[in-house]
């Protein structure tokens, strides 16, 4: 099913996902944490979590699709390790 709909999935991800600033704004409005400090996680653990969280559950999520979509994600910068 993924193979049959791959082009539509890629288009939806690229066109429908909010930009980082809009996403952060939505998270803040919902009262969600947006930094590692807010959840008392070290930068190193945060980096490991970001790199591997897509594989921690038996689900197909955007985190698992990012490498397939060839999306470059700078997890080191987000974790404060750049």
PDB file of N, CA and C in Angstrom:
ATOM      1  N   UNK A   1       0.830  -1.195   0.000  1.00  0.00           N
ATOM      2  CA  UNK A   1       0.000   0.000   0.000  1.00  0.00           C
ATOM      3  C   UNK A   1       0.879   1.266   0.000  1.00  0.00           C
ATOM      4  N   UNK A   2       1.977   1.218   0.781  1.00  0.00           N
ATOM      5  CA  UNK A   2       2.889   2.358   0.791  1.00  0.00           C
ATOM      6  C   UNK A   2       3.474   2.615  -0.585  1.00  0.00           C
ATOM      7  N   UNK A   3       3.912   1.556  -1.218  1.00  0.00           N
ATOM      8  CA  UNK A   3       4.524   1.687  -2.545  1.00  0.00           C
ATOM      9  C   UNK A   3       3.535   2.312  -3.533  1.00  0.00           C
ATOM     10  N   UNK A   4       2.290   1.885  -3.479  1.00  0.00           N
ATOM     11  CA  UNK A   4       1.272   2.393  -4.408  1.00  0.00           C
ATOM     12  C   UNK A   4       0.969   3.873  -4.179  1.00  0.00           C
ATOM     13  N   UNK A   5       1.113   4.331  -2.939  1.00  0.00           N
ATOM     14  CA  UNK A   5       0.743   5.698  -2.588  1.00  0.00           C
ATOM     15  C   UNK A   5       1.934   6.583  -2.260  1.00  0.00           C
ATOM     16  N   UNK A   6       3.124   6.110  -2.575  1.00  0.00           N
ATOM     17  CA  UNK A   6       4.343   6.812  -2.167  1.00  0.00           C
ATOM     18  C   UNK A   6       4.387   8.257  -2.645  1.00  0.00           C
ATOM     19  N   UNK A   7       4.068   8.518  -3.886  1.00  0.00           N
ATOM     20  CA  UNK A   7       4.111   9.895  -4.394  1.00  0.00           C
ATOM     21  C   UNK A   7       3.151  10.798  -3.632  1.00  0.00           C
ATOM     22  N   UNK A   8       1.971  10.310  -3.349  1.00  0.00           N
ATOM     23  CA  UNK A   8       0.993  11.107  -2.601  1.00  0.00           C
ATOM     24  C   UNK A   8       1.464  11.341  -1.163  1.00  0.00           C
ATOM     25  N   UNK A   9       2.106  10.354  -0.560  1.00  0.00           N
ATOM     26  CA  UNK A   9       2.633  10.499   0.801  1.00  0.00           C
ATOM     27  C   UNK A   9       3.714  11.580   0.815  1.00  0.00           C
ATOM     28  N   UNK A  10       4.639  11.506  -0.130  1.00  0.00           N
ATOM     29  CA  UNK A  10       5.720  12.499  -0.206  1.00  0.00           C
ATOM     30  C   UNK A  10       5.155  13.902  -0.396  1.00  0.00           C
ATOM     31  N   UNK A  11       4.200  14.032  -1.267  1.00  0.00           N
ATOM     32  CA  UNK A  11       3.584  15.337  -1.511  1.00  0.00           C
ATOM     33  C   UNK A  11       2.889  15.846  -0.254  1.00  0.00           C
ATOM     34  N   UNK A  12       2.139  14.986   0.412  1.00  0.00           N
ATOM     35  CA  UNK A  12       1.425  15.397   1.621  1.00  0.00           C
ATOM     36  C   UNK A  12       2.388  15.846   2.711  1.00  0.00           C
ATOM     37  N   UNK A  13       3.450  15.105   2.911  1.00  0.00           N
ATOM     38  CA  UNK A  13       4.423  15.480   3.940  1.00  0.00           C
ATOM     39  C   UNK A  13       5.049  16.820   3.615  1.00  0.00           C
ATOM     40  N   UNK A  14       5.470  17.003   2.400  1.00  0.00           N
ATOM     41  CA  UNK A  14       6.136  18.258   2.014  1.00  0.00           C
ATOM     42  C   UNK A  14       5.186  19.455   2.028  1.00  0.00           C
ATOM     43  N   UNK A  15       3.945  19.255   1.644  1.00  0.00           N
ATOM     44  CA  UNK A  15       3.012  20.376   1.512  1.00  0.00           C
ATOM     45  C   UNK A  15       2.161  20.622   2.752  1.00  0.00           C
ATOM     46  N   UNK A  16       1.899  19.591   3.535  1.00  0.00           N
ATOM     47  CA  UNK A  16       0.954  19.728   4.645  1.00  0.00           C
ATOM     48  C   UNK A  16       1.610  19.988   6.000  1.00  0.00           C
ATOM     49  N   UNK A  17       2.861  19.574   6.155  1.00  0.00           N
ATOM     50  CA  UNK A  17       3.515  19.771   7.442  1.00  0.00           C
ATOM     51  C   UNK A  17       3.748  21.248   7.691  1.00  0.00           C
ATOM     52  N   UNK A  18       3.435  21.717   8.898  1.00  0.00           N
ATOM     53  CA  UNK A  18       3.726  23.123   9.194  1.00  0.00           C
ATOM     54  C   UNK A  18       5.232  23.348   9.265  1.00  0.00           C
ATOM     55  N   UNK A  19       5.650  24.585   9.010  1.00  0.00           N
ATOM     56  CA  UNK A  19       7.073  24.894   9.131  1.00  0.00           C
ATOM     57  C   UNK A  19       7.454  24.842  10.616  1.00  0.00           C
ATOM     58  N   UNK A  20       8.741  24.776  10.931  1.00  0.00           N
ATOM     59  CA  UNK A  20       9.164  24.618  12.337  1.00  0.00           C
ATOM     60  C   UNK A  20       8.612  25.688  13.271  1.00  0.00           C
ATOM     61  N   UNK A  21       8.568  26.935  12.825  1.00  0.00           N
ATOM     62  CA  UNK A  21       8.053  28.008  13.686  1.00  0.00           C
ATOM     63  C   UNK A  21       6.562  27.820  13.970  1.00  0.00           C
ATOM     64  N   UNK A  22       5.797  27.445  12.973  1.00  0.00           N
ATOM     65  CA  UNK A  22       4.362  27.222  13.171  1.00  0.00           C
ATOM     66  C   UNK A  22       4.131  26.018  14.084  1.00  0.00           C
ATOM     67  N   UNK A  23       4.928  24.983  13.912  1.00  0.00           N
ATOM     68  CA  UNK A  23       4.797  23.802  14.757  1.00  0.00           C
ATOM     69  C   UNK A  23       5.122  24.136  16.209  1.00  0.00           C
ATOM     70  N   UNK A  24       6.199  24.897  16.421  1.00  0.00           N
ATOM     71  CA  UNK A  24       6.550  25.297  17.787  1.00  0.00           C
ATOM     72  C   UNK A  24       5.442  26.143  18.398  1.00  0.00           C
ATOM     73  N   UNK A  25       4.866  27.043  17.618  1.00  0.00           N
ATOM     74  CA  UNK A  25       3.763  27.866  18.103  1.00  0.00           C
ATOM     75  C   UNK A  25       2.571  27.016  18.530  1.00  0.00           C
ATOM     76  N   UNK A  26       2.250  26.007  17.733  1.00  0.00           N
ATOM     77  CA  UNK A  26       1.145  25.109  18.084  1.00  0.00           C
ATOM     78  C   UNK A  26       1.437  24.344  19.374  1.00  0.00           C
ATOM     79  N   UNK A  27       2.671  23.871  19.507  1.00  0.00           N
ATOM     80  CA  UNK A  27       3.054  23.145  20.723  1.00  0.00           C
ATOM     81  C   UNK A  27       2.966  24.047  21.951  1.00  0.00           C
ATOM     82  N   UNK A  28       3.439  25.280  21.826  1.00  0.00           N
ATOM     83  CA  UNK A  28       3.377  26.215  22.943  1.00  0.00           C
ATOM     84  C   UNK A  28       1.931  26.528  23.326  1.00  0.00           C
ATOM     85  N   UNK A  29       1.083  26.716  22.327  1.00  0.00           N
ATOM     86  CA  UNK A  29      -0.343  26.975  22.601  1.00  0.00           C
ATOM     87  C   UNK A  29      -0.986  25.809  23.325  1.00  0.00           C
ATOM     88  N   UNK A  30      -0.515  24.595  23.046  1.00  0.00           N
ATOM     89  CA  UNK A  30      -1.064  23.405  23.692  1.00  0.00           C
ATOM     90  C   UNK A  30      -0.436  23.157  25.061  1.00  0.00           C
ATOM     91  N   UNK A  31       0.554  23.964  25.427  1.00  0.00           N
ATOM     92  CA  UNK A  31       1.210  23.793  26.718  1.00  0.00           C
ATOM     93  C   UNK A  31       2.250  22.682  26.714  1.00  0.00           C
ATOM     94  N   UNK A  32       2.702  22.279  25.539  1.00  0.00           N
ATOM     95  CA  UNK A  32       3.682  21.200  25.435  1.00  0.00           C
ATOM     96  C   UNK A  32       5.102  21.752  25.582  1.00  0.00           C
ATOM     97  N   UNK A  33       5.999  20.907  26.029  1.00  0.00           N
ATOM     98  CA  UNK A  33       7.409  21.279  26.123  1.00  0.00           C
ATOM     99  C   UNK A  33       7.987  21.409  24.719  1.00  0.00           C
ATOM    100  N   UNK A  34       8.907  22.351  24.562  1.00  0.00           N
ATOM    101  CA  UNK A  34       9.538  22.542  23.254  1.00  0.00           C
ATOM    102  C   UNK A  34      11.066  22.498  23.339  1.00  0.00           C
ATOM    103  N   UNK A  35      11.600  22.312  24.546  1.00  0.00           N
ATOM    104  CA  UNK A  35      13.045  22.200  24.711  1.00  0.00           C
ATOM    105  C   UNK A  35      13.364  20.992  25.594  1.00  0.00           C
ATOM    106  N   UNK A  36      14.590  20.513  25.464  1.00  0.00           N
ATOM    107  CA  UNK A  36      15.023  19.401  26.307  1.00  0.00           C
ATOM    108  C   UNK A  36      15.078  19.801  27.774  1.00  0.00           C
ATOM    109  N   UNK A  37      15.453  21.052  28.056  1.00  0.00           N
ATOM    110  CA  UNK A  37      15.495  21.523  29.443  1.00  0.00           C
ATOM    111  C   UNK A  37      14.136  21.409  30.123  1.00  0.00           C
ATOM    112  N   UNK A  38      13.087  21.662  29.355  1.00  0.00           N
ATOM    113  CA  UNK A  38      11.736  21.619  29.931  1.00  0.00           C
ATOM    114  C   UNK A  38      11.323  20.210  30.359  1.00  0.00           C
ATOM    115  N   UNK A  39      11.986  19.201  29.819  1.00  0.00           N
ATOM    116  CA  UNK A  39      11.652  17.820  30.205  1.00  0.00           C
ATOM    117  C   UNK A  39      12.823  17.146  30.915  1.00  0.00           C
ATOM    118  N   UNK A  40      13.804  17.963  31.356  1.00  0.00           N
ATOM    119  CA  UNK A  40      14.953  17.498  32.139  1.00  0.00           C
ATOM    120  C   UNK A  40      15.696  16.341  31.468  1.00  0.00           C
ATOM    121  N   UNK A  41      16.017  16.516  30.181  1.00  0.00           N
ATOM    122  CA  UNK A  41      16.746  15.511  29.416  1.00  0.00           C
ATOM    123  C   UNK A  41      18.054  16.136  28.943  1.00  0.00           C
ATOM    124  N   UNK A  42      19.159  15.406  29.100  1.00  0.00           N
ATOM    125  CA  UNK A  42      20.465  15.905  28.658  1.00  0.00           C
ATOM    126  C   UNK A  42      20.491  15.986  27.132  1.00  0.00           C
ATOM    127  N   UNK A  43      21.331  16.845  26.579  1.00  0.00           N
ATOM    128  CA  UNK A  43      21.451  16.925  25.121  1.00  0.00           C
ATOM    129  C   UNK A  43      21.827  15.581  24.484  1.00  0.00           C
ATOM    130  N   UNK A  44      22.706  14.830  25.129  1.00  0.00           N
ATOM    131  CA  UNK A  44      23.125  13.542  24.565  1.00  0.00           C
ATOM    132  C   UNK A  44      21.967  12.549  24.513  1.00  0.00           C
ATOM    133  N   UNK A  45      21.196  12.471  25.590  1.00  0.00           N
ATOM    134  CA  UNK A  45      20.038  11.571  25.596  1.00  0.00           C
ATOM    135  C   UNK A  45      18.972  12.063  24.624  1.00  0.00           C
ATOM    136  N   UNK A  46      18.815  13.383  24.542  1.00  0.00           N
ATOM    137  CA  UNK A  46      17.856  13.944  23.589  1.00  0.00           C
ATOM    138  C   UNK A  46      18.225  13.593  22.159  1.00  0.00           C
ATOM    139  N   UNK A  47      19.515  13.668  21.834  1.00  0.00           N
ATOM    140  CA  UNK A  47      19.975  13.322  20.496  1.00  0.00           C
ATOM    141  C   UNK A  47      19.684  11.853  20.198  1.00  0.00           C
ATOM    142  N   UNK A  48      20.005  10.978  21.128  1.00  0.00           N
ATOM    143  CA  UNK A  48      19.737   9.547  20.923  1.00  0.00           C
ATOM    144  C   UNK A  48      18.234   9.313  20.742  1.00  0.00           C
ATOM    145  N   UNK A  49      17.430   9.977  21.541  1.00  0.00           N
ATOM    146  CA  UNK A  49      15.983   9.821  21.416  1.00  0.00           C
ATOM    147  C   UNK A  49      15.461  10.287  20.072  1.00  0.00           C
ATOM    148  N   UNK A  50      15.979  11.416  19.605  1.00  0.00           N
ATOM    149  CA  UNK A  50      15.549  11.932  18.308  1.00  0.00           C
ATOM    150  C   UNK A  50      15.969  11.015  17.166  1.00  0.00           C
ATOM    151  N   UNK A  51      17.157  10.468  17.265  1.00  0.00           N
ATOM    152  CA  UNK A  51      17.659   9.605  16.196  1.00  0.00           C
ATOM    153  C   UNK A  51      16.916   8.281  16.128  1.00  0.00           C
ATOM    154  N   UNK A  52      16.478   7.761  17.265  1.00  0.00           N
ATOM    155  CA  UNK A  52      15.936   6.406  17.292  1.00  0.00           C
ATOM    156  C   UNK A  52      14.458   6.307  17.667  1.00  0.00           C
ATOM    157  N   UNK A  53      13.802   7.419  17.987  1.00  0.00           N
ATOM    158  CA  UNK A  53      12.416   7.322  18.457  1.00  0.00           C
ATOM    159  C   UNK A  53      11.460   6.743  17.416  1.00  0.00           C
ATOM    160  N   UNK A  54      11.770   6.882  16.173  1.00  0.00           N
ATOM    161  CA  UNK A  54      10.895   6.342  15.129  1.00  0.00           C
ATOM    162  C   UNK A  54      10.863   4.820  15.093  1.00  0.00           C
ATOM    163  N   UNK A  55      11.804   4.197  15.788  1.00  0.00           N
ATOM    164  CA  UNK A  55      11.891   2.741  15.766  1.00  0.00           C
ATOM    165  C   UNK A  55      11.529   2.109  17.108  1.00  0.00           C
ATOM    166  N   UNK A  56      11.057   2.902  18.052  1.00  0.00           N
ATOM    167  CA  UNK A  56      10.774   2.388  19.396  1.00  0.00           C
ATOM    168  C   UNK A  56       9.405   1.737  19.521  1.00  0.00           C
ATOM    169  N   UNK A  57       8.562   1.957  18.590  1.00  0.00           N
ATOM    170  CA  UNK A  57       7.239   1.318  18.587  1.00  0.00           C
ATOM    171  C   UNK A  57       7.033   0.671  17.237  1.00  0.00           C
ATOM    172  N   UNK A  58       6.164  -0.304  17.217  1.00  0.00           N
ATOM    173  CA  UNK A  58       5.889  -1.016  15.974  1.00  0.00           C
ATOM    174  C   UNK A  58       4.797  -0.273  15.198  1.00  0.00           C
ATOM    175  N   UNK A  59       5.168   0.926  14.726  1.00  0.00           N
ATOM    176  CA  UNK A  59       4.242   1.764  13.960  1.00  0.00           C
ATOM    177  C   UNK A  59       5.008   2.441  12.842  1.00  0.00           C
ATOM    178  N   UNK A  60       4.303   2.783  11.810  1.00  0.00           N
ATOM    179  CA  UNK A  60       4.913   3.564  10.740  1.00  0.00           C
ATOM    180  C   UNK A  60       4.557   5.019  10.989  1.00  0.00           C
ATOM    181  N   UNK A  61       5.534   5.789  11.396  1.00  0.00           N
ATOM    182  CA  UNK A  61       5.320   7.193  11.724  1.00  0.00           C
ATOM    183  C   UNK A  61       6.152   8.067  10.801  1.00  0.00           C
ATOM    184  N   UNK A  62       5.948   9.354  10.903  1.00  0.00           N
ATOM    185  CA  UNK A  62       6.741  10.292  10.120  1.00  0.00           C
ATOM    186  C   UNK A  62       8.223  10.121  10.453  1.00  0.00           C
ATOM    187  N   UNK A  63       8.535   9.821  11.699  1.00  0.00           N
ATOM    188  CA  UNK A  63       9.937   9.625  12.086  1.00  0.00           C
ATOM    189  C   UNK A  63      10.575   8.479  11.307  1.00  0.00           C
ATOM    190  N   UNK A  64       9.822   7.457  11.011  1.00  0.00           N
ATOM    191  CA  UNK A  64      10.356   6.357  10.204  1.00  0.00           C
ATOM    192  C   UNK A  64      10.415   6.727   8.728  1.00  0.00           C
ATOM    193  N   UNK A  65       9.516   7.596   8.289  1.00  0.00           N
ATOM    194  CA  UNK A  65       9.489   7.984   6.880  1.00  0.00           C
ATOM    195  C   UNK A  65      10.563   9.005   6.517  1.00  0.00           C
ATOM    196  N   UNK A  66      11.034   9.804   7.485  1.00  0.00           N
ATOM    197  CA  UNK A  66      11.995  10.858   7.173  1.00  0.00           C
ATOM    198  C   UNK A  66      13.206  10.360   6.390  1.00  0.00           C
ATOM    199  N   UNK A  67      13.875   9.276   6.826  1.00  0.00           N
ATOM    200  CA  UNK A  67      15.009   8.802   6.017  1.00  0.00           C
ATOM    201  C   UNK A  67      14.587   8.323   4.629  1.00  0.00           C
ATOM    202  N   UNK A  68      13.416   7.719   4.533  1.00  0.00           N
ATOM    203  CA  UNK A  68      12.939   7.241   3.233  1.00  0.00           C
ATOM    204  C   UNK A  68      12.648   8.406   2.294  1.00  0.00           C
ATOM    205  N   UNK A  69      12.224   9.526   2.879  1.00  0.00           N
ATOM    206  CA  UNK A  69      11.927  10.722   2.096  1.00  0.00           C
ATOM    207  C   UNK A  69      13.195  11.525   1.812  1.00  0.00           C
ATOM    208  N   UNK A  70      14.301  11.031   2.334  1.00  0.00           N
ATOM    209  CA  UNK A  70      15.598  11.694   2.197  1.00  0.00           C
ATOM    210  C   UNK A  70      15.565  13.109   2.779  1.00  0.00           C
ATOM    211  N   UNK A  71      14.839  13.254   3.882  1.00  0.00           N
ATOM    212  CA  UNK A  71      14.785  14.533   4.584  1.00  0.00           C
ATOM    213  C   UNK A  71      16.003  14.637   5.491  1.00  0.00           C
ATOM    214  N   UNK A  72      16.769  15.677   5.311  1.00  0.00           N
ATOM    215  CA  UNK A  72      17.921  15.889   6.179  1.00  0.00           C
ATOM    216  C   UNK A  72      17.424  16.544   7.453  1.00  0.00           C
ATOM    217  N   UNK A  73      17.673  15.918   8.554  1.00  0.00           N
ATOM    218  CA  UNK A  73      17.228  16.431   9.841  1.00  0.00           C
ATOM    219  C   UNK A  73      18.434  16.609  10.742  1.00  0.00           C
ATOM    220  N   UNK A  74      18.670  17.830  11.185  1.00  0.00           N
ATOM    221  CA  UNK A  74      19.821  18.112  12.032  1.00  0.00           C
ATOM    222  C   UNK A  74      19.429  17.950  13.491  1.00  0.00           C
ATOM    223  N   UNK A  75      19.382  16.705  13.947  1.00  0.00           N
ATOM    224  CA  UNK A  75      19.023  16.423  15.327  1.00  0.00           C
ATOM    225  C   UNK A  75      20.063  16.986  16.293  1.00  0.00           C
ATOM    226  N   UNK A  76      21.331  17.034  15.884  1.00  0.00           N
ATOM    227  CA  UNK A  76      22.377  17.545  16.772  1.00  0.00           C
ATOM    228  C   UNK A  76      22.108  19.003  17.139  1.00  0.00           C
ATOM    229  N   UNK A  77      21.691  19.807  16.166  1.00  0.00           N
ATOM    230  CA  UNK A  77      21.406  21.211  16.437  1.00  0.00           C
ATOM    231  C   UNK A  77      20.194  21.338  17.354  1.00  0.00           C
ATOM    232  N   UNK A  78      19.178  20.537  17.107  1.00  0.00           N
ATOM    233  CA  UNK A  78      17.964  20.603  17.938  1.00  0.00           C
ATOM    234  C   UNK A  78      18.272  20.199  19.365  1.00  0.00           C
ATOM    235  N   UNK A  79      19.161  19.230  19.548  1.00  0.00           N
ATOM    236  CA  UNK A  79      19.515  18.768  20.890  1.00  0.00           C
ATOM    237  C   UNK A  79      20.524  19.703  21.560  1.00  0.00           C
ATOM    238  N   UNK A  80      20.956  20.750  20.839  1.00  0.00           N
ATOM    239  CA  UNK A  80      21.902  21.698  21.412  1.00  0.00           C
ATOM    240  C   UNK A  80      23.344  21.207  21.353  1.00  0.00           C
ATOM    241  N   UNK A  81      23.650  20.313  20.436  1.00  0.00           N
ATOM    242  CA  UNK A  81      24.993  19.736  20.324  1.00  0.00           C
ATOM    243  C   UNK A  81      25.728  20.173  19.067  1.00  0.00           C
ATOM    244  N   UNK A  82      25.266  21.206  18.395  1.00  0.00           N
ATOM    245  CA  UNK A  82      25.915  21.594  17.131  1.00  0.00           C
ATOM    246  C   UNK A  82      27.223  22.293  17.352  1.00  0.00           C
TER     247      UNK A  82
END
